[in-house]
Amino acid sequence: MKKKHITITIILLILISLFLVITINKKEKSINTSSEKHKLDVNPISKETAINVLRAEYGDYVSTKVEDIKIVENLYVVDVYIDIKDSEEDAQSHSQSLGVHKIDMFTGELKKQ
């Protein structure tokens, strides 16, 4: 009689632990799929925001326009120009290129090429 009770108890413990392991795995999978869906829902920054990133880095003298920005994969690629004014009051201003820069569309990180 004791052997019968011991085997039934062991079988019940195994079944309960197996059930708990299965439910925990299902919860972890559901959490992972929801985070993957969240990654797909992230909106990229606008081209105007990309210009603001350049202005934050190089000041208000950035003369690059929205039309100058090109999209390559998940990057904004732009040739950055700044306006340089001569030291005289009535002097002309001219543009100087700072080179091609890349801005990540999702993080706004500035990368020099």
PDB file of N, CA and C in Angstrom:
ATOM      1  N   MET A   1       0.817  -1.180   0.000  1.00  0.00           N
ATOM      2  CA  MET A   1       0.000   0.000   0.000  1.00  0.00           C
ATOM      3  C   MET A   1       0.874   1.263   0.000  1.00  0.00           C
ATOM      4  N   LYS A   2       1.949   1.249   0.753  1.00  0.00           N
ATOM      5  CA  LYS A   2       2.829   2.404   0.821  1.00  0.00           C
ATOM      6  C   LYS A   2       3.512   2.642  -0.517  1.00  0.00           C
ATOM      7  N   LYS A   3       3.896   1.576  -1.201  1.00  0.00           N
ATOM      8  CA  LYS A   3       4.528   1.727  -2.505  1.00  0.00           C
ATOM      9  C   LYS A   3       3.581   2.390  -3.490  1.00  0.00           C
ATOM     10  N   LYS A   4       2.328   2.033  -3.412  1.00  0.00           N
ATOM     11  CA  LYS A   4       1.316   2.586  -4.305  1.00  0.00           C
ATOM     12  C   LYS A   4       1.158   4.090  -4.055  1.00  0.00           C
ATOM     13  N   HIS A   5       1.113   4.509  -2.814  1.00  0.00           N
ATOM     14  CA  HIS A   5       0.979   5.925  -2.466  1.00  0.00           C
ATOM     15  C   HIS A   5       2.216   6.715  -2.909  1.00  0.00           C
ATOM     16  N   ILE A   6       3.385   6.120  -2.725  1.00  0.00           N
ATOM     17  CA  ILE A   6       4.627   6.792  -3.102  1.00  0.00           C
ATOM     18  C   ILE A   6       4.690   6.986  -4.616  1.00  0.00           C
ATOM     19  N   THR A   7       4.332   5.976  -5.400  1.00  0.00           N
ATOM     20  CA  THR A   7       4.364   6.110  -6.863  1.00  0.00           C
ATOM     21  C   THR A   7       3.329   7.111  -7.356  1.00  0.00           C
ATOM     22  N   ILE A   8       2.174   7.122  -6.767  1.00  0.00           N
ATOM     23  CA  ILE A   8       1.130   8.086  -7.164  1.00  0.00           C
ATOM     24  C   ILE A   8       1.593   9.500  -6.832  1.00  0.00           C
ATOM     25  N   THR A   9       2.216   9.700  -5.688  1.00  0.00           N
ATOM     26  CA  THR A   9       2.714  11.014  -5.297  1.00  0.00           C
ATOM     27  C   THR A   9       3.819  11.481  -6.240  1.00  0.00           C
ATOM     28  N   ILE A  10       4.727  10.596  -6.602  1.00  0.00           N
ATOM     29  CA  ILE A  10       5.805  10.950  -7.527  1.00  0.00           C
ATOM     30  C   ILE A  10       5.248  11.301  -8.896  1.00  0.00           C
ATOM     31  N   ILE A  11       4.285  10.548  -9.382  1.00  0.00           N
ATOM     32  CA  ILE A  11       3.666  10.831 -10.679  1.00  0.00           C
ATOM     33  C   ILE A  11       2.951  12.174 -10.643  1.00  0.00           C
ATOM     34  N   LEU A  12       2.256  12.462  -9.567  1.00  0.00           N
ATOM     35  CA  LEU A  12       1.563  13.754  -9.443  1.00  0.00           C
ATOM     36  C   LEU A  12       2.563  14.916  -9.405  1.00  0.00           C
ATOM     37  N   LEU A  13       3.652  14.763  -8.700  1.00  0.00           N
ATOM     38  CA  LEU A  13       4.666  15.806  -8.645  1.00  0.00           C
ATOM     39  C   LEU A  13       5.286  16.052 -10.025  1.00  0.00           C
ATOM     40  N   ILE A  14       5.539  14.995 -10.751  1.00  0.00           N
ATOM     41  CA  ILE A  14       6.083  15.135 -12.100  1.00  0.00           C
ATOM     42  C   ILE A  14       5.098  15.855 -13.007  1.00  0.00           C
ATOM     43  N   LEU A  15       3.824  15.492 -12.953  1.00  0.00           N
ATOM     44  CA  LEU A  15       2.807  16.135 -13.791  1.00  0.00           C
ATOM     45  C   LEU A  15       2.640  17.617 -13.440  1.00  0.00           C
ATOM     46  N   ILE A  16       2.655  17.942 -12.163  1.00  0.00           N
ATOM     47  CA  ILE A  16       2.513  19.342 -11.747  1.00  0.00           C
ATOM     48  C   ILE A  16       3.717  20.165 -12.197  1.00  0.00           C
ATOM     49  N   SER A  17       4.923  19.634 -12.028  1.00  0.00           N
ATOM     50  CA  SER A  17       6.108  20.378 -12.458  1.00  0.00           C
ATOM     51  C   SER A  17       6.140  20.536 -13.967  1.00  0.00           C
ATOM     52  N   LEU A  18       5.724  19.525 -14.705  1.00  0.00           N
ATOM     53  CA  LEU A  18       5.659  19.616 -16.161  1.00  0.00           C
ATOM     54  C   LEU A  18       4.658  20.682 -16.588  1.00  0.00           C
ATOM     55  N   PHE A  19       3.522  20.741 -15.930  1.00  0.00           N
ATOM     56  CA  PHE A  19       2.511  21.752 -16.230  1.00  0.00           C
ATOM     57  C   PHE A  19       3.043  23.161 -15.965  1.00  0.00           C
ATOM     58  N   LEU A  20       3.760  23.333 -14.855  1.00  0.00           N
ATOM     59  CA  LEU A  20       4.319  24.645 -14.536  1.00  0.00           C
ATOM     60  C   LEU A  20       5.372  25.072 -15.550  1.00  0.00           C
ATOM     61  N   VAL A  21       6.213  24.174 -15.982  1.00  0.00           N
ATOM     62  CA  VAL A  21       7.239  24.499 -16.970  1.00  0.00           C
ATOM     63  C   VAL A  21       6.598  24.920 -18.285  1.00  0.00           C
ATOM     64  N   ILE A  22       5.560  24.240 -18.708  1.00  0.00           N
ATOM     65  CA  ILE A  22       4.881  24.575 -19.967  1.00  0.00           C
ATOM     66  C   ILE A  22       4.233  25.952 -19.877  1.00  0.00           C
ATOM     67  N   THR A  23       3.591  26.271 -18.783  1.00  0.00           N
ATOM     68  CA  THR A  23       2.935  27.584 -18.666  1.00  0.00           C
ATOM     69  C   THR A  23       3.959  28.711 -18.603  1.00  0.00           C
ATOM     70  N   ILE A  24       5.095  28.499 -17.948  1.00  0.00           N
ATOM     71  CA  ILE A  24       6.128  29.534 -17.889  1.00  0.00           C
ATOM     72  C   ILE A  24       6.708  29.785 -19.276  1.00  0.00           C
ATOM     73  N   ASN A  25       6.934  28.752 -20.055  1.00  0.00           N
ATOM     74  CA  ASN A  25       7.453  28.917 -21.416  1.00  0.00           C
ATOM     75  C   ASN A  25       6.468  29.666 -22.301  1.00  0.00           C
ATOM     76  N   LYS A  26       5.191  29.413 -22.137  1.00  0.00           N
ATOM     77  CA  LYS A  26       4.186  30.132 -22.936  1.00  0.00           C
ATOM     78  C   LYS A  26       4.187  31.615 -22.605  1.00  0.00           C
ATOM     79  N   LYS A  27       4.341  31.948 -21.323  1.00  0.00           N
ATOM     80  CA  LYS A  27       4.375  33.359 -20.929  1.00  0.00           C
ATOM     81  C   LYS A  27       5.600  34.059 -21.508  1.00  0.00           C
ATOM     82  N   GLU A  28       6.757  33.409 -21.485  1.00  0.00           N
ATOM     83  CA  GLU A  28       7.974  34.007 -22.038  1.00  0.00           C
ATOM     84  C   GLU A  28       7.860  34.218 -23.537  1.00  0.00           C
ATOM     85  N   LYS A  29       7.252  33.287 -24.236  1.00  0.00           N
ATOM     86  CA  LYS A  29       7.082  33.444 -25.683  1.00  0.00           C
ATOM     87  C   LYS A  29       6.138  34.585 -25.998  1.00  0.00           C
ATOM     88  N   SER A  30       5.084  34.744 -25.221  1.00  0.00           N
ATOM     89  CA  SER A  30       4.143  35.829 -25.490  1.00  0.00           C
ATOM     90  C   SER A  30       4.792  37.187 -25.236  1.00  0.00           C
ATOM     91  N   ILE A  31       5.663  37.279 -24.264  1.00  0.00           N
ATOM     92  CA  ILE A  31       6.362  38.534 -23.995  1.00  0.00           C
ATOM     93  C   ILE A  31       7.315  38.859 -25.143  1.00  0.00           C
ATOM     94  N   ASN A  32       8.030  37.894 -25.657  1.00  0.00           N
ATOM     95  CA  ASN A  32       8.966  38.118 -26.750  1.00  0.00           C
ATOM     96  C   ASN A  32       8.252  38.555 -28.021  1.00  0.00           C
ATOM     97  N   THR A  33       7.123  37.969 -28.333  1.00  0.00           N
ATOM     98  CA  THR A  33       6.422  38.361 -29.556  1.00  0.00           C
ATOM     99  C   THR A  33       5.876  39.772 -29.438  1.00  0.00           C
ATOM    100  N   SER A  34       5.435  40.181 -28.277  1.00  0.00           N
ATOM    101  CA  SER A  34       4.917  41.539 -28.142  1.00  0.00           C
ATOM    102  C   SER A  34       6.043  42.561 -28.279  1.00  0.00           C
ATOM    103  N   SER A  35       7.249  42.249 -27.799  1.00  0.00           N
ATOM    104  CA  SER A  35       8.345  43.192 -27.944  1.00  0.00           C
ATOM    105  C   SER A  35       8.794  43.287 -29.399  1.00  0.00           C
ATOM    106  N   GLU A  36       8.717  42.190 -30.155  1.00  0.00           N
ATOM    107  CA  GLU A  36       9.055  42.236 -31.574  1.00  0.00           C
ATOM    108  C   GLU A  36       8.039  43.087 -32.335  1.00  0.00           C
ATOM    109  N   LYS A  37       6.779  42.998 -31.969  1.00  0.00           N
ATOM    110  CA  LYS A  37       5.763  43.834 -32.606  1.00  0.00           C
ATOM    111  C   LYS A  37       6.020  45.306 -32.285  1.00  0.00           C
ATOM    112  N   HIS A  38       6.466  45.569 -31.070  1.00  0.00           N
ATOM    113  CA  HIS A  38       6.742  46.950 -30.676  1.00  0.00           C
ATOM    114  C   HIS A  38       7.882  47.534 -31.502  1.00  0.00           C
ATOM    115  N   LYS A  39       8.888  46.746 -31.828  1.00  0.00           N
ATOM    116  CA  LYS A  39       9.988  47.229 -32.649  1.00  0.00           C
ATOM    117  C   LYS A  39       9.508  47.635 -34.030  1.00  0.00           C
ATOM    118  N   LEU A  40       8.519  46.947 -34.550  1.00  0.00           N
ATOM    119  CA  LEU A  40       8.011  47.262 -35.880  1.00  0.00           C
ATOM    120  C   LEU A  40       7.168  48.537 -35.871  1.00  0.00           C
ATOM    121  N   ASP A  41       6.641  48.908 -34.706  1.00  0.00           N
ATOM    122  CA  ASP A  41       5.774  50.072 -34.610  1.00  0.00           C
ATOM    123  C   ASP A  41       6.527  51.386 -34.412  1.00  0.00           C
ATOM    124  N   VAL A  42       7.844  51.348 -34.292  1.00  0.00           N
ATOM    125  CA  VAL A  42       8.627  52.558 -34.066  1.00  0.00           C
ATOM    126  C   VAL A  42       8.664  53.383 -35.348  1.00  0.00           C
ATOM    127  N   ASN A  43       8.316  54.645 -35.223  1.00  0.00           N
ATOM    128  CA  ASN A  43       8.312  55.548 -36.374  1.00  0.00           C
ATOM    129  C   ASN A  43       9.671  56.216 -36.520  1.00  0.00           C
ATOM    130  N   PRO A  44      10.135  56.401 -37.756  1.00  0.00           N
ATOM    131  CA  PRO A  44      11.415  57.092 -37.952  1.00  0.00           C
ATOM    132  C   PRO A  44      11.257  58.589 -37.698  1.00  0.00           C
ATOM    133  N   ILE A  45      12.392  59.258 -37.448  1.00  0.00           N
ATOM    134  CA  ILE A  45      12.350  60.706 -37.268  1.00  0.00           C
ATOM    135  C   ILE A  45      12.126  61.359 -38.631  1.00  0.00           C
ATOM    136  N   SER A  46      11.600  62.556 -38.633  1.00  0.00           N
ATOM    137  CA  SER A  46      11.340  63.251 -39.892  1.00  0.00           C
ATOM    138  C   SER A  46      12.626  63.889 -40.413  1.00  0.00           C
ATOM    139  N   LYS A  47      12.573  64.333 -41.649  1.00  0.00           N
ATOM    140  CA  LYS A  47      13.739  65.002 -42.238  1.00  0.00           C
ATOM    141  C   LYS A  47      13.995  66.333 -41.547  1.00  0.00           C
ATOM    142  N   GLU A  48      12.932  66.998 -41.097  1.00  0.00           N
ATOM    143  CA  GLU A  48      13.099  68.250 -40.368  1.00  0.00           C
ATOM    144  C   GLU A  48      13.839  68.008 -39.053  1.00  0.00           C
ATOM    145  N   THR A  49      13.530  66.901 -38.403  1.00  0.00           N
ATOM    146  CA  THR A  49      14.227  66.566 -37.166  1.00  0.00           C
ATOM    147  C   THR A  49      15.689  66.239 -37.444  1.00  0.00           C
ATOM    148  N   ALA A  50      15.958  65.620 -38.594  1.00  0.00           N
ATOM    149  CA  ALA A  50      17.346  65.340 -38.974  1.00  0.00           C
ATOM    150  C   ALA A  50      18.120  66.647 -39.155  1.00  0.00           C
ATOM    151  N   ILE A  51      17.487  67.650 -39.730  1.00  0.00           N
ATOM    152  CA  ILE A  51      18.134  68.961 -39.872  1.00  0.00           C
ATOM    153  C   ILE A  51      18.365  69.585 -38.499  1.00  0.00           C
ATOM    154  N   ASN A  52      17.421  69.390 -37.573  1.00  0.00           N
ATOM    155  CA  ASN A  52      17.611  69.904 -36.218  1.00  0.00           C
ATOM    156  C   ASN A  52      18.780  69.208 -35.521  1.00  0.00           C
ATOM    157  N   VAL A  53      18.999  67.930 -35.810  1.00  0.00           N
ATOM    158  CA  VAL A  53      20.161  67.216 -35.265  1.00  0.00           C
ATOM    159  C   VAL A  53      21.444  67.863 -35.779  1.00  0.00           C
ATOM    160  N   LEU A  54      21.467  68.193 -37.078  1.00  0.00           N
ATOM    161  CA  LEU A  54      22.642  68.857 -37.649  1.00  0.00           C
ATOM    162  C   LEU A  54      22.846  70.239 -37.041  1.00  0.00           C
ATOM    163  N   ARG A  55      21.763  70.960 -36.818  1.00  0.00           N
ATOM    164  CA  ARG A  55      21.879  72.293 -36.211  1.00  0.00           C
ATOM    165  C   ARG A  55      22.363  72.199 -34.768  1.00  0.00           C
ATOM    166  N   ALA A  56      21.959  71.144 -34.069  1.00  0.00           N
ATOM    167  CA  ALA A  56      22.434  70.959 -32.699  1.00  0.00           C
ATOM    168  C   ALA A  56      23.930  70.683 -32.679  1.00  0.00           C
ATOM    169  N   GLU A  57      24.422  70.011 -33.705  1.00  0.00           N
ATOM    170  CA  GLU A  57      25.847  69.675 -33.768  1.00  0.00           C
ATOM    171  C   GLU A  57      26.693  70.840 -34.274  1.00  0.00           C
ATOM    172  N   TYR A  58      26.220  71.554 -35.316  1.00  0.00           N
ATOM    173  CA  TYR A  58      27.041  72.558 -35.990  1.00  0.00           C
ATOM    174  C   TYR A  58      26.528  73.990 -35.843  1.00  0.00           C
ATOM    175  N   GLY A  59      25.462  74.206 -35.135  1.00  0.00           N
ATOM    176  CA  GLY A  59      24.947  75.555 -34.922  1.00  0.00           C
ATOM    177  C   GLY A  59      23.902  75.941 -35.960  1.00  0.00           C
ATOM    178  N   ASP A  60      23.419  77.158 -35.833  1.00  0.00           N
ATOM    179  CA  ASP A  60      22.334  77.640 -36.694  1.00  0.00           C
ATOM    180  C   ASP A  60      22.796  78.024 -38.085  1.00  0.00           C
ATOM    181  N   TYR A  61      24.072  77.891 -38.382  1.00  0.00           N
ATOM    182  CA  TYR A  61      24.576  78.270 -39.696  1.00  0.00           C
ATOM    183  C   TYR A  61      24.423  77.162 -40.731  1.00  0.00           C
ATOM    184  N   VAL A  62      23.805  76.050 -40.356  1.00  0.00           N
ATOM    185  CA  VAL A  62      23.602  74.946 -41.300  1.00  0.00           C
ATOM    186  C   VAL A  62      22.599  75.397 -42.354  1.00  0.00           C
ATOM    187  N   SER A  63      22.983  75.290 -43.622  1.00  0.00           N
ATOM    188  CA  SER A  63      22.099  75.742 -44.704  1.00  0.00           C
ATOM    189  C   SER A  63      21.523  74.578 -45.506  1.00  0.00           C
ATOM    190  N   THR A  64      21.626  73.384 -45.009  1.00  0.00           N
ATOM    191  CA  THR A  64      21.078  72.215 -45.687  1.00  0.00           C
ATOM    192  C   THR A  64      19.558  72.252 -45.611  1.00  0.00           C
ATOM    193  N   LYS A  65      18.911  71.878 -46.698  1.00  0.00           N
ATOM    194  CA  LYS A  65      17.451  71.895 -46.773  1.00  0.00           C
ATOM    195  C   LYS A  65      16.912  70.469 -46.780  1.00  0.00           C
ATOM    196  N   VAL A  66      15.618  70.336 -46.545  1.00  0.00           N
ATOM    197  CA  VAL A  66      14.961  69.024 -46.502  1.00  0.00           C
ATOM    198  C   VAL A  66      15.123  68.293 -47.827  1.00  0.00           C
ATOM    199  N   GLU A  67      15.116  69.039 -48.933  1.00  0.00           N
ATOM    200  CA  GLU A  67      15.234  68.427 -50.256  1.00  0.00           C
ATOM    201  C   GLU A  67      16.614  67.797 -50.491  1.00  0.00           C
ATOM    202  N   ASP A  68      17.613  68.213 -49.714  1.00  0.00           N
ATOM    203  CA  ASP A  68      18.973  67.701 -49.882  1.00  0.00           C
ATOM    204  C   ASP A  68      19.185  66.348 -49.211  1.00  0.00           C
ATOM    205  N   ILE A  69      18.235  65.928 -48.398  1.00  0.00           N
ATOM    206  CA  ILE A  69      18.393  64.690 -47.638  1.00  0.00           C
ATOM    207  C   ILE A  69      17.914  63.505 -48.470  1.00  0.00           C
ATOM    208  N   LYS A  70      18.740  62.467 -48.535  1.00  0.00           N
ATOM    209  CA  LYS A  70      18.410  61.242 -49.268  1.00  0.00           C
ATOM    210  C   LYS A  70      18.264  60.101 -48.269  1.00  0.00           C
ATOM    211  N   ILE A  71      17.401  59.139 -48.608  1.00  0.00           N
ATOM    212  CA  ILE A  71      17.189  57.980 -47.745  1.00  0.00           C
ATOM    213  C   ILE A  71      17.913  56.781 -48.341  1.00  0.00           C
ATOM    214  N   VAL A  72      18.795  56.176 -47.551  1.00  0.00           N
ATOM    215  CA  VAL A  72      19.497  54.963 -47.949  1.00  0.00           C
ATOM    216  C   VAL A  72      19.300  53.958 -46.820  1.00  0.00           C
ATOM    217  N   GLU A  73      18.583  52.879 -47.097  1.00  0.00           N
ATOM    218  CA  GLU A  73      18.224  51.850 -46.112  1.00  0.00           C
ATOM    219  C   GLU A  73      17.535  52.520 -44.932  1.00  0.00           C
ATOM    220  N   ASN A  74      18.114  52.477 -43.743  1.00  0.00           N
ATOM    221  CA  ASN A  74      17.496  53.127 -42.586  1.00  0.00           C
ATOM    222  C   ASN A  74      18.313  54.343 -42.133  1.00  0.00           C
ATOM    223  N   LEU A  75      18.965  55.001 -43.094  1.00  0.00           N
ATOM    224  CA  LEU A  75      19.777  56.176 -42.803  1.00  0.00           C
ATOM    225  C   LEU A  75      19.359  57.351 -43.679  1.00  0.00           C
ATOM    226  N   TYR A  76      19.439  58.546 -43.117  1.00  0.00           N
ATOM    227  CA  TYR A  76      19.352  59.764 -43.907  1.00  0.00           C
ATOM    228  C   TYR A  76      20.786  60.135 -44.285  1.00  0.00           C
ATOM    229  N   VAL A  77      21.041  60.317 -45.566  1.00  0.00           N
ATOM    230  CA  VAL A  77      22.362  60.707 -46.040  1.00  0.00           C
ATOM    231  C   VAL A  77      22.262  62.143 -46.546  1.00  0.00           C
ATOM    232  N   VAL A  78      23.155  63.005 -46.032  1.00  0.00           N
ATOM    233  CA  VAL A  78      23.069  64.422 -46.375  1.00  0.00           C
ATOM    234  C   VAL A  78      24.478  65.015 -46.455  1.00  0.00           C
ATOM    235  N   ASP A  79      24.679  65.856 -47.466  1.00  0.00           N
ATOM    236  CA  ASP A  79      25.926  66.623 -47.574  1.00  0.00           C
ATOM    237  C   ASP A  79      25.687  67.930 -46.830  1.00  0.00           C
ATOM    238  N   VAL A  80      26.377  68.120 -45.741  1.00  0.00           N
ATOM    239  CA  VAL A  80      26.130  69.245 -44.836  1.00  0.00           C
ATOM    240  C   VAL A  80      26.879  70.480 -45.321  1.00  0.00           C
ATOM    241  N   TYR A  81      26.150  71.579 -45.465  1.00  0.00           N
ATOM    242  CA  TYR A  81      26.724  72.873 -45.824  1.00  0.00           C
ATOM    243  C   TYR A  81      26.424  73.878 -44.710  1.00  0.00           C
ATOM    244  N   ILE A  82      27.396  74.736 -44.429  1.00  0.00           N
ATOM    245  CA  ILE A  82      27.173  75.826 -43.489  1.00  0.00           C
ATOM    246  C   ILE A  82      27.474  77.137 -44.187  1.00  0.00           C
ATOM    247  N   ASP A  83      26.784  78.184 -43.742  1.00  0.00           N
ATOM    248  CA  ASP A  83      27.015  79.527 -44.278  1.00  0.00           C
ATOM    249  C   ASP A  83      28.122  80.198 -43.466  1.00  0.00           C
ATOM    250  N   ILE A  84      29.112  80.721 -44.178  1.00  0.00           N
ATOM    251  CA  ILE A  84      30.213  81.432 -43.529  1.00  0.00           C
ATOM    252  C   ILE A  84      30.164  82.877 -44.000  1.00  0.00           C
ATOM    253  N   LYS A  85      30.069  83.788 -43.043  1.00  0.00           N
ATOM    254  CA  LYS A  85      30.044  85.206 -43.372  1.00  0.00           C
ATOM    255  C   LYS A  85      31.431  85.783 -43.121  1.00  0.00           C
ATOM    256  N   ASP A  86      31.831  86.672 -44.018  1.00  0.00           N
ATOM    257  CA  ASP A  86      33.113  87.348 -43.837  1.00  0.00           C
ATOM    258  C   ASP A  86      33.009  88.307 -42.654  1.00  0.00           C
ATOM    259  N   SER A  87      34.130  88.687 -42.131  1.00  0.00           N
ATOM    260  CA  SER A  87      34.152  89.500 -40.907  1.00  0.00           C
ATOM    261  C   SER A  87      33.661  90.931 -41.129  1.00  0.00           C
ATOM    262  N   GLU A  88      33.676  91.400 -42.359  1.00  0.00           N
ATOM    263  CA  GLU A  88      33.214  92.760 -42.626  1.00  0.00           C
ATOM    264  C   GLU A  88      31.692  92.813 -42.598  1.00  0.00           C
ATOM    265  N   GLU A  89      31.151  93.999 -42.340  1.00  0.00           N
ATOM    266  CA  GLU A  89      29.710  94.146 -42.191  1.00  0.00           C
ATOM    267  C   GLU A  89      28.949  93.890 -43.483  1.00  0.00           C
ATOM    268  N   ASP A  90      29.395  94.441 -44.590  1.00  0.00           N
ATOM    269  CA  ASP A  90      28.686  94.310 -45.856  1.00  0.00           C
ATOM    270  C   ASP A  90      29.253  93.186 -46.710  1.00  0.00           C
ATOM    271  N   ALA A  91      30.013  92.312 -46.131  1.00  0.00           N
ATOM    272  CA  ALA A  91      30.662  91.251 -46.903  1.00  0.00           C
ATOM    273  C   ALA A  91      29.665  90.160 -47.268  1.00  0.00           C
ATOM    274  N   GLN A  92      30.046  89.424 -48.271  1.00  0.00           N
ATOM    275  CA  GLN A  92      29.180  88.337 -48.731  1.00  0.00           C
ATOM    276  C   GLN A  92      29.367  87.115 -47.858  1.00  0.00           C
ATOM    277  N   SER A  93      28.369  86.234 -47.927  1.00  0.00           N
ATOM    278  CA  SER A  93      28.501  84.959 -47.236  1.00  0.00           C
ATOM    279  C   SER A  93      28.610  83.862 -48.290  1.00  0.00           C
ATOM    280  N   HIS A  94      29.285  82.806 -47.956  1.00  0.00           N
ATOM    281  CA  HIS A  94      29.417  81.688 -48.875  1.00  0.00           C
ATOM    282  C   HIS A  94      29.246  80.383 -48.098  1.00  0.00           C
ATOM    283  N   SER A  95      28.929  79.328 -48.829  1.00  0.00           N
ATOM    284  CA  SER A  95      28.688  78.031 -48.199  1.00  0.00           C
ATOM    285  C   SER A  95      29.947  77.179 -48.252  1.00  0.00           C
ATOM    286  N   GLN A  96      30.145  76.418 -47.203  1.00  0.00           N
ATOM    287  CA  GLN A  96      31.257  75.481 -47.159  1.00  0.00           C
ATOM    288  C   GLN A  96      30.724  74.120 -46.770  1.00  0.00           C
ATOM    289  N   SER A  97      31.188  73.087 -47.470  1.00  0.00           N
ATOM    290  CA  SER A  97      30.736  71.725 -47.196  1.00  0.00           C
ATOM    291  C   SER A  97      31.516  71.128 -46.034  1.00  0.00           C
ATOM    292  N   LEU A  98      30.801  70.461 -45.156  1.00  0.00           N
ATOM    293  CA  LEU A  98      31.426  69.744 -44.044  1.00  0.00           C
ATOM    294  C   LEU A  98      31.516  68.250 -44.342  1.00  0.00           C
ATOM    295  N   GLY A  99      31.094  67.866 -45.531  1.00  0.00           N
ATOM    296  CA  GLY A  99      31.159  66.464 -45.914  1.00  0.00           C
ATOM    297  C   GLY A  99      29.816  65.769 -45.791  1.00  0.00           C
ATOM    298  N   VAL A 100      29.812  64.528 -46.205  1.00  0.00           N
ATOM    299  CA  VAL A 100      28.590  63.728 -46.172  1.00  0.00           C
ATOM    300  C   VAL A 100      28.434  63.125 -44.779  1.00  0.00           C
ATOM    301  N   HIS A 101      27.245  63.278 -44.222  1.00  0.00           N
ATOM    302  CA  HIS A 101      26.934  62.730 -42.909  1.00  0.00           C
ATOM    303  C   HIS A 101      25.755  61.779 -43.037  1.00  0.00           C
ATOM    304  N   LYS A 102      25.694  60.818 -42.130  1.00  0.00           N
ATOM    305  CA  LYS A 102      24.568  59.891 -42.080  1.00  0.00           C
ATOM    306  C   LYS A 102      23.890  60.053 -40.732  1.00  0.00           C
ATOM    307  N   ILE A 103      22.562  60.024 -40.770  1.00  0.00           N
ATOM    308  CA  ILE A 103      21.772  60.118 -39.543  1.00  0.00           C
ATOM    309  C   ILE A 103      20.851  58.904 -39.502  1.00  0.00           C
ATOM    310  N   ASP A 104      20.902  58.166 -38.403  1.00  0.00           N
ATOM    311  CA  ASP A 104      20.036  57.004 -38.242  1.00  0.00           C
ATOM    312  C   ASP A 104      18.588  57.471 -38.144  1.00  0.00           C
ATOM    313  N   MET A 105      17.708  56.857 -38.932  1.00  0.00           N
ATOM    314  CA  MET A 105      16.314  57.290 -39.003  1.00  0.00           C
ATOM    315  C   MET A 105      15.547  57.003 -37.719  1.00  0.00           C
ATOM    316  N   PHE A 106      15.971  56.027 -36.940  1.00  0.00           N
ATOM    317  CA  PHE A 106      15.215  55.627 -35.774  1.00  0.00           C
ATOM    318  C   PHE A 106      15.783  56.173 -34.461  1.00  0.00           C
ATOM    319  N   THR A 107      17.113  56.389 -34.410  1.00  0.00           N
ATOM    320  CA  THR A 107      17.711  56.880 -33.172  1.00  0.00           C
ATOM    321  C   THR A 107      18.133  58.339 -33.266  1.00  0.00           C
ATOM    322  N   GLY A 108      18.332  58.865 -34.472  1.00  0.00           N
ATOM    323  CA  GLY A 108      18.790  60.228 -34.645  1.00  0.00           C
ATOM    324  C   GLY A 108      20.286  60.380 -34.417  1.00  0.00           C
ATOM    325  N   GLU A 109      21.001  59.261 -34.371  1.00  0.00           N
ATOM    326  CA  GLU A 109      22.441  59.293 -34.139  1.00  0.00           C
ATOM    327  C   GLU A 109      23.154  59.825 -35.385  1.00  0.00           C
ATOM    328  N   LEU A 110      24.051  60.767 -35.197  1.00  0.00           N
ATOM    329  CA  LEU A 110      24.807  61.382 -36.279  1.00  0.00           C
ATOM    330  C   LEU A 110      26.082  60.595 -36.513  1.00  0.00           C
ATOM    331  N   LYS A 111      26.297  60.193 -37.782  1.00  0.00           N
ATOM    332  CA  LYS A 111      27.494  59.423 -38.136  1.00  0.00           C
ATOM    333  C   LYS A 111      28.203  60.156 -39.254  1.00  0.00           C
ATOM    334  N   LYS A 112      29.466  60.485 -39.058  1.00  0.00           N
ATOM    335  CA  LYS A 112      30.248  61.121 -40.102  1.00  0.00           C
ATOM    336  C   LYS A 112      30.761  60.047 -41.045  1.00  0.00           C
ATOM    337  N   GLN A 113      30.811  60.358 -42.319  1.00  0.00           N
ATOM    338  CA  GLN A 113      31.263  59.358 -43.296  1.00  0.00           C
ATOM    339  C   GLN A 113      32.717  59.462 -43.554  1.00  0.00           C
TER     340      GLN A 113
END
